[in-house]
C-alpha atoms as a PDB file:
ATOM      1  CA  MET A   1     -14.098 -11.276 -20.672  1.00  0.00           C
ATOM      2  CA  ARG A   2     -11.735  -8.239 -21.493  1.00  0.00           C
ATOM      3  CA  LEU A   3     -10.698  -5.526 -19.246  1.00  0.00           C
ATOM      4  CA  ALA A   4     -10.029  -2.159 -20.721  1.00  0.00           C
ATOM      5  CA  HIS A   5      -7.551   0.107 -19.448  1.00  0.00           C
ATOM      6  CA  LEU A   6      -7.269   3.760 -20.019  1.00  0.00           C
ATOM      7  CA  HIS A   7      -4.147   5.678 -18.861  1.00  0.00           C
ATOM      8  CA  LEU A   8      -4.060   9.397 -19.034  1.00  0.00           C
ATOM      9  CA  PRO A   9      -0.533  10.396 -18.934  1.00  0.00           C
ATOM     10  CA  ASN A  10      -0.482  14.030 -18.495  1.00  0.00           C
ATOM     11  CA  ILE A  11      -2.260  16.259 -15.601  1.00  0.00           C
ATOM     12  CA  THR A  12      -6.051  16.034 -16.431  1.00  0.00           C
ATOM     13  CA  PRO A  13      -8.967  18.146 -15.054  1.00  0.00           C
ATOM     14  CA  PHE A  14     -11.029  16.164 -12.481  1.00  0.00           C
ATOM     15  CA  LYS A  15     -14.054  17.130 -13.792  1.00  0.00           C
ATOM     16  CA  HIS A  16     -13.165  15.919 -17.260  1.00  0.00           C
ATOM     17  CA  VAL A  17     -12.245  12.529 -15.898  1.00  0.00           C
ATOM     18  CA  SER A  18     -15.514  12.340 -14.235  1.00  0.00           C
ATOM     19  CA  SER A  19     -17.332  12.982 -17.466  1.00  0.00           C
ATOM     20  CA  LEU A  20     -15.758  10.179 -18.792  1.00  0.00           C
ATOM     21  CA  GLN A  21     -16.476   7.960 -15.938  1.00  0.00           C
ATOM     22  CA  GLN A  22     -20.307   8.824 -16.243  1.00  0.00           C
ATOM     23  CA  ILE A  23     -20.370   7.804 -19.835  1.00  0.00           C
ATOM     24  CA  LEU A  24     -19.000   4.405 -18.933  1.00  0.00           C
ATOM     25  CA  THR A  25     -21.402   3.847 -16.072  1.00  0.00           C
ATOM     26  CA  SER A  26     -24.296   5.304 -18.257  1.00  0.00           C
ATOM     27  CA  ARG A  27     -23.601   2.497 -20.600  1.00  0.00           C
ATOM     28  CA  PHE A  28     -23.747  -0.378 -18.085  1.00  0.00           C
ATOM     29  CA  LEU A  29     -26.974   1.038 -16.572  1.00  0.00           C
ATOM     30  CA  THR A  30     -28.466   1.386 -20.135  1.00  0.00           C
ATOM     31  CA  HIS A  31     -27.366  -2.141 -20.941  1.00  0.00           C
ATOM     32  CA  LYS A  32     -29.206  -3.544 -17.809  1.00  0.00           C
ATOM     33  CA  LYS A  33     -32.442  -1.682 -18.972  1.00  0.00           C
ATOM     34  CA  VAL A  34     -32.503  -3.745 -22.453  1.00  0.00           C
ATOM     35  CA  GLU A  35     -34.982  -6.654 -22.808  1.00  0.00           C
ATOM     36  CA  SER A  36     -32.656  -8.579 -24.947  1.00  0.00           C
ATOM     37  CA  PRO A  37     -29.143  -6.766 -24.358  1.00  0.00           C
ATOM     38  CA  PRO A  38     -26.229  -7.521 -26.561  1.00  0.00           C
ATOM     39  CA  HIS A  39     -22.809  -7.974 -25.556  1.00  0.00           C
ATOM     40  CA  PRO A  40     -22.239  -6.266 -21.706  1.00  0.00           C
ATOM     41  CA  PRO A  41     -19.506  -3.448 -21.997  1.00  0.00           C
ATOM     42  CA  ASP A  42     -16.149  -4.169 -21.082  1.00  0.00           C
ATOM     43  CA  PRO A  43     -15.206  -3.425 -17.295  1.00  0.00           C
ATOM     44  CA  THR A  44     -12.721  -0.250 -17.425  1.00  0.00           C
ATOM     45  CA  ILE A  45     -10.098   1.161 -15.498  1.00  0.00           C
ATOM     46  CA  ILE A  46      -9.185   4.899 -15.756  1.00  0.00           C
ATOM     47  CA  THR A  47      -5.910   5.672 -14.334  1.00  0.00           C
ATOM     48  CA  PHE A  48      -4.834   9.308 -14.064  1.00  0.00           C
ATOM     49  CA  THR A  49      -3.393  12.100 -12.248  1.00  0.00           C
ATOM     50  CA  PRO A  50      -5.591  15.078 -11.668  1.00  0.00           C
ATOM     51  CA  ASN A  51      -5.092  18.646 -11.059  1.00  0.00           C
ATOM     52  CA  PRO A  52      -5.114  19.689  -7.473  1.00  0.00           C
ATOM     53  CA  VAL A  53      -8.851  19.010  -6.098  1.00  0.00           C
ATOM     54  CA  TYR A  54     -10.298  18.734  -2.820  1.00  0.00           C
ATOM     55  CA  THR A  55     -13.235  15.915  -2.881  1.00  0.00           C
ATOM     56  CA  THR A  56     -16.007  14.978  -0.491  1.00  0.00           C
ATOM     57  CA  GLY A  57     -17.826  11.743  -0.421  1.00  0.00           C
ATOM     58  CA  ARG A  58     -21.802  11.035   0.455  1.00  0.00           C
ATOM     59  CA  ARG A  59     -20.816  11.336   4.295  1.00  0.00           C
ATOM     60  CA  ASP A  60     -19.278  14.885   3.788  1.00  0.00           C
ATOM     61  CA  LEU A  61     -21.334  16.774   1.286  1.00  0.00           C
ATOM     62  CA  PRO A  62     -21.859  20.572   1.546  1.00  0.00           C
ATOM     63  CA  PRO A  63     -24.842  22.404   2.928  1.00  0.00           C
ATOM     64  CA  SER A  64     -27.925  22.439   0.278  1.00  0.00           C
ATOM     65  CA  PRO A  65     -27.991  25.707  -1.518  1.00  0.00           C
ATOM     66  CA  HIS A  66     -31.133  26.681   0.621  1.00  0.00           C
ATOM     67  CA  SER A  67     -29.050  26.658   3.816  1.00  0.00           C
ATOM     68  CA  ARG A  68     -26.116  28.651   2.967  1.00  0.00           C
ATOM     69  CA  SER A  69     -25.548  32.446   3.366  1.00  0.00           C
ATOM     70  CA  PRO A  70     -26.468  34.693   0.582  1.00  0.00           C
ATOM     71  CA  PHE A  71     -22.974  36.118   0.762  1.00  0.00           C
ATOM     72  CA  THR A  72     -21.326  32.898   0.118  1.00  0.00           C
ATOM     73  CA  THR A  73     -20.712  31.935  -3.358  1.00  0.00           C
ATOM     74  CA  LEU A  74     -19.212  28.798  -3.002  1.00  0.00           C
ATOM     75  CA  SER A  75     -20.864  25.859  -0.639  1.00  0.00           C
ATOM     76  CA  LEU A  76     -18.275  23.876   1.214  1.00  0.00           C
ATOM     77  CA  PRO A  77     -18.773  21.315   4.135  1.00  0.00           C
ATOM     78  CA  PRO A  78     -17.692  22.161   7.449  1.00  0.00           C
ATOM     79  CA  SER A  79     -14.213  19.995   6.876  1.00  0.00           C
ATOM     80  CA  LEU A  80     -13.094  22.385   4.180  1.00  0.00           C
ATOM     81  CA  GLN A  81     -14.429  25.879   5.483  1.00  0.00           C
ATOM     82  CA  PRO A  82     -10.927  26.486   7.432  1.00  0.00           C
ATOM     83  CA  ILE A  83      -9.378  26.448   4.123  1.00  0.00           C
ATOM     84  CA  ARG A  84     -11.840  28.211   1.960  1.00  0.00           C
ATOM     85  CA  SER A  85      -9.013  30.609   0.563  1.00  0.00           C
ATOM     86  CA  LEU A  86      -7.140  27.642  -0.911  1.00  0.00           C
ATOM     87  CA  ILE A  87     -10.353  26.921  -2.793  1.00  0.00           C
ATOM     88  CA  THR A  88     -11.561  30.080  -3.651  1.00  0.00           C
ATOM     89  CA  GLY A  89      -8.509  32.495  -3.573  1.00  0.00           C
ATOM     90  CA  SER A  90      -8.327  35.781  -1.783  1.00  0.00           C
ATOM     91  CA  ALA A  91      -9.374  39.079  -3.077  1.00  0.00           C
ATOM     92  CA  SER A  92      -7.843  41.020  -0.698  1.00  0.00           C
ATOM     93  CA  ASN A  93      -4.552  39.621  -1.198  1.00  0.00           C
ATOM     94  CA  ARG A  94      -5.094  38.848  -4.704  1.00  0.00           C
ATOM     95  CA  THR A  95      -4.048  35.173  -4.611  1.00  0.00           C
ATOM     96  CA  PRO A  96      -5.573  32.943  -6.991  1.00  0.00           C
ATOM     97  CA  PRO A  97      -7.286  29.731  -5.780  1.00  0.00           C
ATOM     98  CA  VAL A  98      -4.390  26.469  -5.381  1.00  0.00           C
ATOM     99  CA  ALA A  99      -7.080  23.755  -5.632  1.00  0.00           C
ATOM    100  CA  GLU A 100     -10.619  22.892  -6.847  1.00  0.00           C
ATOM    101  CA  TYR A 101     -13.365  21.518  -4.807  1.00  0.00           C
ATOM    102  CA  HIS A 102     -15.973  18.663  -6.218  1.00  0.00           C
ATOM    103  CA  PRO A 103     -18.710  16.924  -4.404  1.00  0.00           C
ATOM    104  CA  THR A 104     -18.775  13.324  -5.340  1.00  0.00           C
ATOM    105  CA  LEU A 105     -21.319  10.240  -4.678  1.00  0.00           C
ATOM    106  CA  ARG A 106     -18.370   7.859  -3.645  1.00  0.00           C
ATOM    107  CA  GLY A 107     -18.072   6.466  -0.024  1.00  0.00           C
ATOM    108  CA  GLY A 108     -16.120   8.344   2.314  1.00  0.00           C
ATOM    109  CA  GLN A 109     -15.668  11.995   3.587  1.00  0.00           C
ATOM    110  CA  THR A 110     -12.953  14.822   2.734  1.00  0.00           C
ATOM    111  CA  THR A 111      -9.814  13.849   0.535  1.00  0.00           C
ATOM    112  CA  TYR A 112      -7.482  15.385  -1.593  1.00  0.00           C
ATOM    113  CA  HIS A 113      -6.267  14.248  -5.460  1.00  0.00           C
ATOM    114  CA  GLY A 114      -3.461  15.969  -7.404  1.00  0.00           C
ATOM    115  CA  PRO A 115      -0.102  15.970  -8.892  1.00  0.00           C
ATOM    116  CA  GLY A 116       2.155  13.112  -7.314  1.00  0.00           C
ATOM    117  CA  GLN A 117      -0.816  10.671  -6.904  1.00  0.00           C
ATOM    118  CA  LEU A 118      -2.179   7.922  -8.963  1.00  0.00           C
ATOM    119  CA  VAL A 119      -6.037   7.768  -9.251  1.00  0.00           C
ATOM    120  CA  ALA A 120      -7.740   4.846 -10.562  1.00  0.00           C
ATOM    121  CA  TYR A 121     -11.441   4.740 -11.307  1.00  0.00           C
ATOM    122  CA  THR A 122     -13.026   0.917 -11.735  1.00  0.00           C
ATOM    123  CA  ILE A 123     -16.101   0.862 -13.778  1.00  0.00           C
ATOM    124  CA  LEU A 124     -17.370  -2.618 -13.365  1.00  0.00           C
ATOM    125  CA  ASP A 125     -20.616  -4.703 -13.238  1.00  0.00           C
ATOM    126  CA  LEU A 126     -19.817  -6.475 -10.021  1.00  0.00           C
ATOM    127  CA  ARG A 127     -22.689  -9.184 -10.610  1.00  0.00           C
ATOM    128  CA  ARG A 128     -20.777 -10.160 -13.839  1.00  0.00           C
ATOM    129  CA  LEU A 129     -17.612 -10.646 -12.084  1.00  0.00           C
ATOM    130  CA  GLY A 130     -19.193 -12.450  -9.114  1.00  0.00           C
ATOM    131  CA  LEU A 131     -18.386  -9.680  -6.460  1.00  0.00           C
ATOM    132  CA  THR A 132     -20.065  -8.717  -3.305  1.00  0.00           C
ATOM    133  CA  PRO A 133     -19.601  -4.700  -2.477  1.00  0.00           C
ATOM    134  CA  ARG A 134     -17.207  -5.831   0.438  1.00  0.00           C
ATOM    135  CA  CYS A 135     -15.360  -8.322  -1.824  1.00  0.00           C
ATOM    136  CA  HIS A 136     -14.969  -5.182  -4.227  1.00  0.00           C
ATOM    137  CA  ILE A 137     -13.249  -3.075  -1.678  1.00  0.00           C
ATOM    138  CA  ARG A 138     -11.129  -6.031  -0.347  1.00  0.00           C
ATOM    139  CA  LEU A 139     -10.262  -6.399  -4.020  1.00  0.00           C
ATOM    140  CA  LEU A 140      -9.006  -2.683  -4.579  1.00  0.00           C
ATOM    141  CA  GLU A 141      -7.378  -2.915  -0.968  1.00  0.00           C
ATOM    142  CA  ASN A 142      -5.508  -6.149  -1.702  1.00  0.00           C
ATOM    143  CA  SER A 143      -4.252  -4.903  -5.426  1.00  0.00           C
ATOM    144  CA  ILE A 144      -2.769  -2.194  -3.658  1.00  0.00           C
ATOM    145  CA  ILE A 145      -1.188  -4.152  -1.073  1.00  0.00           C
ATOM    146  CA  ASP A 146       0.554  -6.083  -3.746  1.00  0.00           C
ATOM    147  CA  VAL A 147       1.391  -2.882  -5.494  1.00  0.00           C
ATOM    148  CA  LEU A 148       3.431  -1.902  -2.481  1.00  0.00           C
ATOM    149  CA  ARG A 149       4.784  -5.366  -2.013  1.00  0.00           C
ATOM    150  CA  GLY A 150       6.494  -5.029  -5.580  1.00  0.00           C
ATOM    151  CA  PHE A 151       8.237  -2.020  -3.831  1.00  0.00           C
ATOM    152  CA  ASP A 152       9.366  -3.878  -0.680  1.00  0.00           C
ATOM    153  CA  ILE A 153       6.652  -2.115   1.520  1.00  0.00           C
ATOM    154  CA  ARG A 154       4.127  -3.810   3.717  1.00  0.00           C
ATOM    155  CA  GLY A 155       0.888  -2.373   3.284  1.00  0.00           C
ATOM    156  CA  PHE A 156      -2.079  -3.430   5.345  1.00  0.00           C
ATOM    157  CA  VAL A 157      -5.662  -2.618   6.176  1.00  0.00           C
ATOM    158  CA  THR A 158      -6.964  -1.434   9.791  1.00  0.00           C
ATOM    159  CA  GLU A 159     -10.466  -0.760  11.104  1.00  0.00           C
ATOM    160  CA  ASP A 160     -10.201   2.725   9.236  1.00  0.00           C
ATOM    161  CA  PRO A 161     -11.008   2.868   5.629  1.00  0.00           C
ATOM    162  CA  GLY A 162      -7.653   2.824   3.010  1.00  0.00           C
ATOM    163  CA  VAL A 163      -4.305   1.030   2.881  1.00  0.00           C
ATOM    164  CA  TRP A 164      -1.847   1.836   5.490  1.00  0.00           C
ATOM    165  CA  VAL A 165       1.962   1.190   6.203  1.00  0.00           C
ATOM    166  CA  SER A 166       4.153   1.345   9.057  1.00  0.00           C
ATOM    167  CA  ALA A 167       6.448   4.538   8.755  1.00  0.00           C
ATOM    168  CA  ALA A 168       9.569   4.874  10.554  1.00  0.00           C
ATOM    169  CA  THR A 169       9.935   8.355  12.496  1.00  0.00           C
ATOM    170  CA  GLY A 170      13.267   7.815  14.232  1.00  0.00           C
ATOM    171  CA  PRO A 171      15.894   5.395  15.550  1.00  0.00           C
ATOM    172  CA  THR A 172      14.452   5.407  18.986  1.00  0.00           C
ATOM    173  CA  ILE A 173      10.836   6.342  18.360  1.00  0.00           C
ATOM    174  CA  PRO A 174       8.588   3.478  17.558  1.00  0.00           C
ATOM    175  CA  PRO A 175       7.045   3.185  14.044  1.00  0.00           C
ATOM    176  CA  LYS A 176       3.516   4.982  13.521  1.00  0.00           C
ATOM    177  CA  ILE A 177       0.841   4.135  10.982  1.00  0.00           C
ATOM    178  CA  LYS A 178       0.417   6.324   7.898  1.00  0.00           C
ATOM    179  CA  LYS A 179      -2.002   6.365   5.116  1.00  0.00           C
ATOM    180  CA  ILE A 180      -0.458   5.733   1.495  1.00  0.00           C
ATOM    181  CA  THR A 181      -3.790   4.868  -0.311  1.00  0.00           C
ATOM    182  CA  ALA A 182      -7.542   6.347   0.038  1.00  0.00           C
ATOM    183  CA  VAL A 183     -10.289   4.008  -1.133  1.00  0.00           C
ATOM    184  CA  GLY A 184     -13.960   4.928  -1.704  1.00  0.00           C
ATOM    185  CA  VAL A 185     -16.445   3.622  -4.473  1.00  0.00           C
ATOM    186  CA  HIS A 186     -20.091   4.281  -5.579  1.00  0.00           C
ATOM    187  CA  LEU A 187     -22.572   1.692  -6.694  1.00  0.00           C
ATOM    188  CA  ARG A 188     -25.665   1.974  -8.568  1.00  0.00           C
ATOM    189  CA  ARG A 189     -27.294  -1.131  -9.680  1.00  0.00           C
ATOM    190  CA  HIS A 190     -24.108  -3.243  -9.062  1.00  0.00           C
ATOM    191  CA  ILE A 191     -22.279  -0.747 -11.146  1.00  0.00           C
ATOM    192  CA  SER A 192     -19.163   0.309  -9.717  1.00  0.00           C
ATOM    193  CA  SER A 193     -17.460   3.767 -10.101  1.00  0.00           C
ATOM    194  CA  TYR A 194     -14.524   5.728  -8.271  1.00  0.00           C
ATOM    195  CA  GLY A 195     -11.894   3.654  -6.737  1.00  0.00           C
ATOM    196  CA  ILE A 196      -8.515   4.495  -5.193  1.00  0.00           C
ATOM    197  CA  GLY A 197      -6.022   7.340  -4.773  1.00  0.00           C
ATOM    198  CA  LEU A 198      -2.323   6.166  -4.056  1.00  0.00           C
ATOM    199  CA  ASN A 199       0.213   8.574  -3.077  1.00  0.00           C
ATOM    200  CA  VAL A 200       3.335   8.201  -5.326  1.00  0.00           C
ATOM    201  CA  THR A 201       5.627  11.275  -4.314  1.00  0.00           C
ATOM    202  CA  GLU A 202       5.648  13.894  -1.611  1.00  0.00           C
ATOM    203  CA  GLU A 203       3.971  16.423  -3.808  1.00  0.00           C
ATOM    204  CA  PRO A 204       0.350  15.662  -2.159  1.00  0.00           C
ATOM    205  CA  MET A 205       1.604  15.724   1.470  1.00  0.00           C
ATOM    206  CA  TRP A 206       1.151  19.674   1.749  1.00  0.00           C
ATOM    207  CA  PHE A 207      -2.662  19.322   0.862  1.00  0.00           C
ATOM    208  CA  PHE A 208      -3.178  16.476   3.073  1.00  0.00           C
ATOM    209  CA  GLN A 209      -1.734  18.547   6.061  1.00  0.00           C
ATOM    210  CA  GLN A 210      -4.329  21.374   5.396  1.00  0.00           C
ATOM    211  CA  ILE A 211      -7.241  19.046   6.104  1.00  0.00           C
ATOM    212  CA  VAL A 212      -8.544  16.177   8.593  1.00  0.00           C
ATOM    213  CA  ALA A 213      -8.171  13.595   5.796  1.00  0.00           C
ATOM    214  CA  CYS A 214     -11.137  11.125   5.634  1.00  0.00           C
ATOM    215  CA  GLY A 215     -12.254  12.748   9.180  1.00  0.00           C
ATOM    216  CA  LEU A 216      -9.239  10.690  10.898  1.00  0.00           C
ATOM    217  CA  ASP A 217      -7.883  13.435  13.227  1.00  0.00           C
ATOM    218  CA  GLY A 218      -4.379  12.965  14.309  1.00  0.00           C
ATOM    219  CA  ARG A 219      -3.526  10.387  11.001  1.00  0.00           C
ATOM    220  CA  GLU A 220      -0.985  11.295   8.565  1.00  0.00           C
ATOM    221  CA  ALA A 221      -0.286  10.668   4.797  1.00  0.00           C
ATOM    222  CA  THR A 222       2.751   9.139   3.367  1.00  0.00           C
ATOM    223  CA  SER A 223       3.908   8.286  -0.255  1.00  0.00           C
ATOM    224  CA  LEU A 224       5.913   5.824  -2.213  1.00  0.00           C
ATOM    225  CA  ALA A 225       8.706   8.575  -2.101  1.00  0.00           C
ATOM    226  CA  GLY A 226       8.080   9.127   1.694  1.00  0.00           C
ATOM    227  CA  GLN A 227       8.959   5.148   2.053  1.00  0.00           C
ATOM    228  CA  GLY A 228      12.060   5.468   0.510  1.00  0.00           C
ATOM    229  CA  VAL A 229      10.862   4.568  -3.424  1.00  0.00           C
ATOM    230  CA  GLU A 230      12.155   7.149  -6.043  1.00  0.00           C
ATOM    231  CA  GLY A 231      12.257   7.591  -9.695  1.00  0.00           C
ATOM    232  CA  VAL A 232       9.095   5.491 -10.192  1.00  0.00           C
ATOM    233  CA  THR A 233       6.498   6.775 -12.739  1.00  0.00           C
ATOM    234  CA  ILE A 234       2.676   7.334 -12.431  1.00  0.00           C
ATOM    235  CA  GLU A 235       2.324   5.207 -15.688  1.00  0.00           C
ATOM    236  CA  ASP A 236       4.363   2.321 -13.789  1.00  0.00           C
ATOM    237  CA  VAL A 237       2.547   2.216 -11.015  1.00  0.00           C
ATOM    238  CA  ALA A 238      -0.805   2.227 -13.020  1.00  0.00           C
ATOM    239  CA  ASP A 239       0.222  -0.478 -15.071  1.00  0.00           C
ATOM    240  CA  ARG A 240       1.103  -2.519 -11.739  1.00  0.00           C
ATOM    241  CA  PHE A 241      -2.172  -1.767 -10.273  1.00  0.00           C
ATOM    242  CA  VAL A 242      -3.970  -3.080 -13.278  1.00  0.00           C
ATOM    243  CA  ARG A 243      -2.076  -6.339 -13.262  1.00  0.00           C
ATOM    244  CA  SER A 244      -2.437  -6.914  -9.672  1.00  0.00           C
ATOM    245  CA  PHE A 245      -6.070  -6.140  -9.663  1.00  0.00           C
ATOM    246  CA  VAL A 246      -6.531  -8.868 -12.225  1.00  0.00           C
ATOM    247  CA  GLU A 247      -4.505 -11.220 -10.524  1.00  0.00           C
ATOM    248  CA  ARG A 248      -6.482 -10.784  -7.289  1.00  0.00           C
ATOM    249  CA  LEU A 249      -9.503 -11.237  -9.070  1.00  0.00           C
ATOM    250  CA  LYS A 250      -8.659 -14.421 -10.146  1.00  0.00           C
ATOM    251  CA  SER A 251      -7.061 -15.733  -6.903  1.00  0.00           C
ATOM    252  CA  ASP A 252      -9.428 -14.003  -4.455  1.00  0.00           C
ATOM    253  CA  CYS A 253     -12.807 -14.358  -6.483  1.00  0.00           C
ATOM    254  CA  SER A 254     -12.061 -17.370  -8.809  1.00  0.00           C
ATOM    255  CA  GLY A 255     -15.350 -19.042  -9.538  1.00  0.00           C
ATOM    256  CA  ASN A 256     -17.888 -16.725  -8.466  1.00  0.00           C
ATOM    257  CA  GLY A 257     -18.214 -14.958 -11.777  1.00  0.00           C
ATOM    258  CA  GLU A 258     -16.794 -14.370 -15.018  1.00  0.00           C
ATOM    259  CA  ALA A 259     -12.693 -14.169 -15.457  1.00  0.00           C
ATOM    260  CA  ILE A 260     -10.940 -11.635 -16.741  1.00  0.00           C
ATOM    261  CA  ASP A 261      -8.588 -13.186 -19.514  1.00  0.00           C
ATOM    262  CA  THR A 262      -7.116  -9.935 -21.471  1.00  0.00           C
ATOM    263  CA  VAL A 263      -6.516  -6.470 -20.572  1.00  0.00           C
ATOM    264  CA  TYR A 264      -6.178  -4.178 -23.497  1.00  0.00           C
ATOM    265  CA  LYS A 265      -5.310  -0.065 -23.693  1.00  0.00           C
ATOM    266  CA  ILE A 266      -7.671   2.318 -24.863  1.00  0.00           C
ATOM    267  CA  GLU A 267      -7.373   5.901 -25.631  1.00  0.00           C
ATOM    268  CA  GLU A 268      -9.786   8.773 -24.472  1.00  0.00           C
ATOM    269  CA  LYS A 269     -11.101   8.955 -28.132  1.00  0.00           C
ATOM    270  CA  ASP A 270     -12.550   5.404 -28.030  1.00  0.00           C
ATOM    271  CA  ILE A 271     -14.976   6.369 -25.121  1.00  0.00           C
ATOM    272  CA  ILE A 272     -16.005   9.675 -26.650  1.00  0.00           C
ATOM    273  CA  GLU A 273     -16.442   8.519 -30.425  1.00  0.00           C
ATOM    274  CA  THR A 274     -18.491   5.698 -29.373  1.00  0.00           C
ATOM    275  CA  GLU A 275     -20.784   7.748 -27.142  1.00  0.00           C
ATOM    276  CA  PRO A 276     -24.285   7.876 -29.175  1.00  0.00           C
END
């Protein structure tokens, strides 16, 4: 089986990437409905960096339109109400918004994506790959842990979602754990979407400090740069993630489904031009 990798090198609107993801997931779902289906779509990983955006998962969606105030132009979940001005701007101070808001169907709660971060969406048929939903999450986590190991950083998982590192805080203060990667997925008929957000530079840190990310009060975020890794590009980290994903799939889940033997690069037009 072949795995397609689309990397978008420039900062890309979150809504646009969501549309690309929707095209791919729709193809998988359509394929499942066909009585004598042709060859199934190739699994695809999209790696990109979006414009500044706060997103919520199914556990933290905004109130329905019927329950919000008629004077409120944008429905936000309680987690984002304290920073409404960052998302809508301030008419009185004539300040524009600094981030967008998009609710999503992934698991989890509120988080941030934006410049300085690698976001990877994995659009896969879990049954074809022989993955259970839990194994899929572990596959994403272990792939990130392998990427971190390549930079001499020890990543690990806890009872809380995501991938974490032990961050030194000073010569006399014990290390504290900080979150370096968020993980959240959506499944429909065993077709996965969404994936991970790995902080590469310190640029996202200010945005994380404005919220209680993933509902974990008191927990801080960090990045590769925050752990001493400088000069690495988003594209380099993206390629490392895809390689780790394939290798982990072979080592952790071999024998349960079809193997990925080839990774090939695609461009955005390859997705759009083949859309019926």
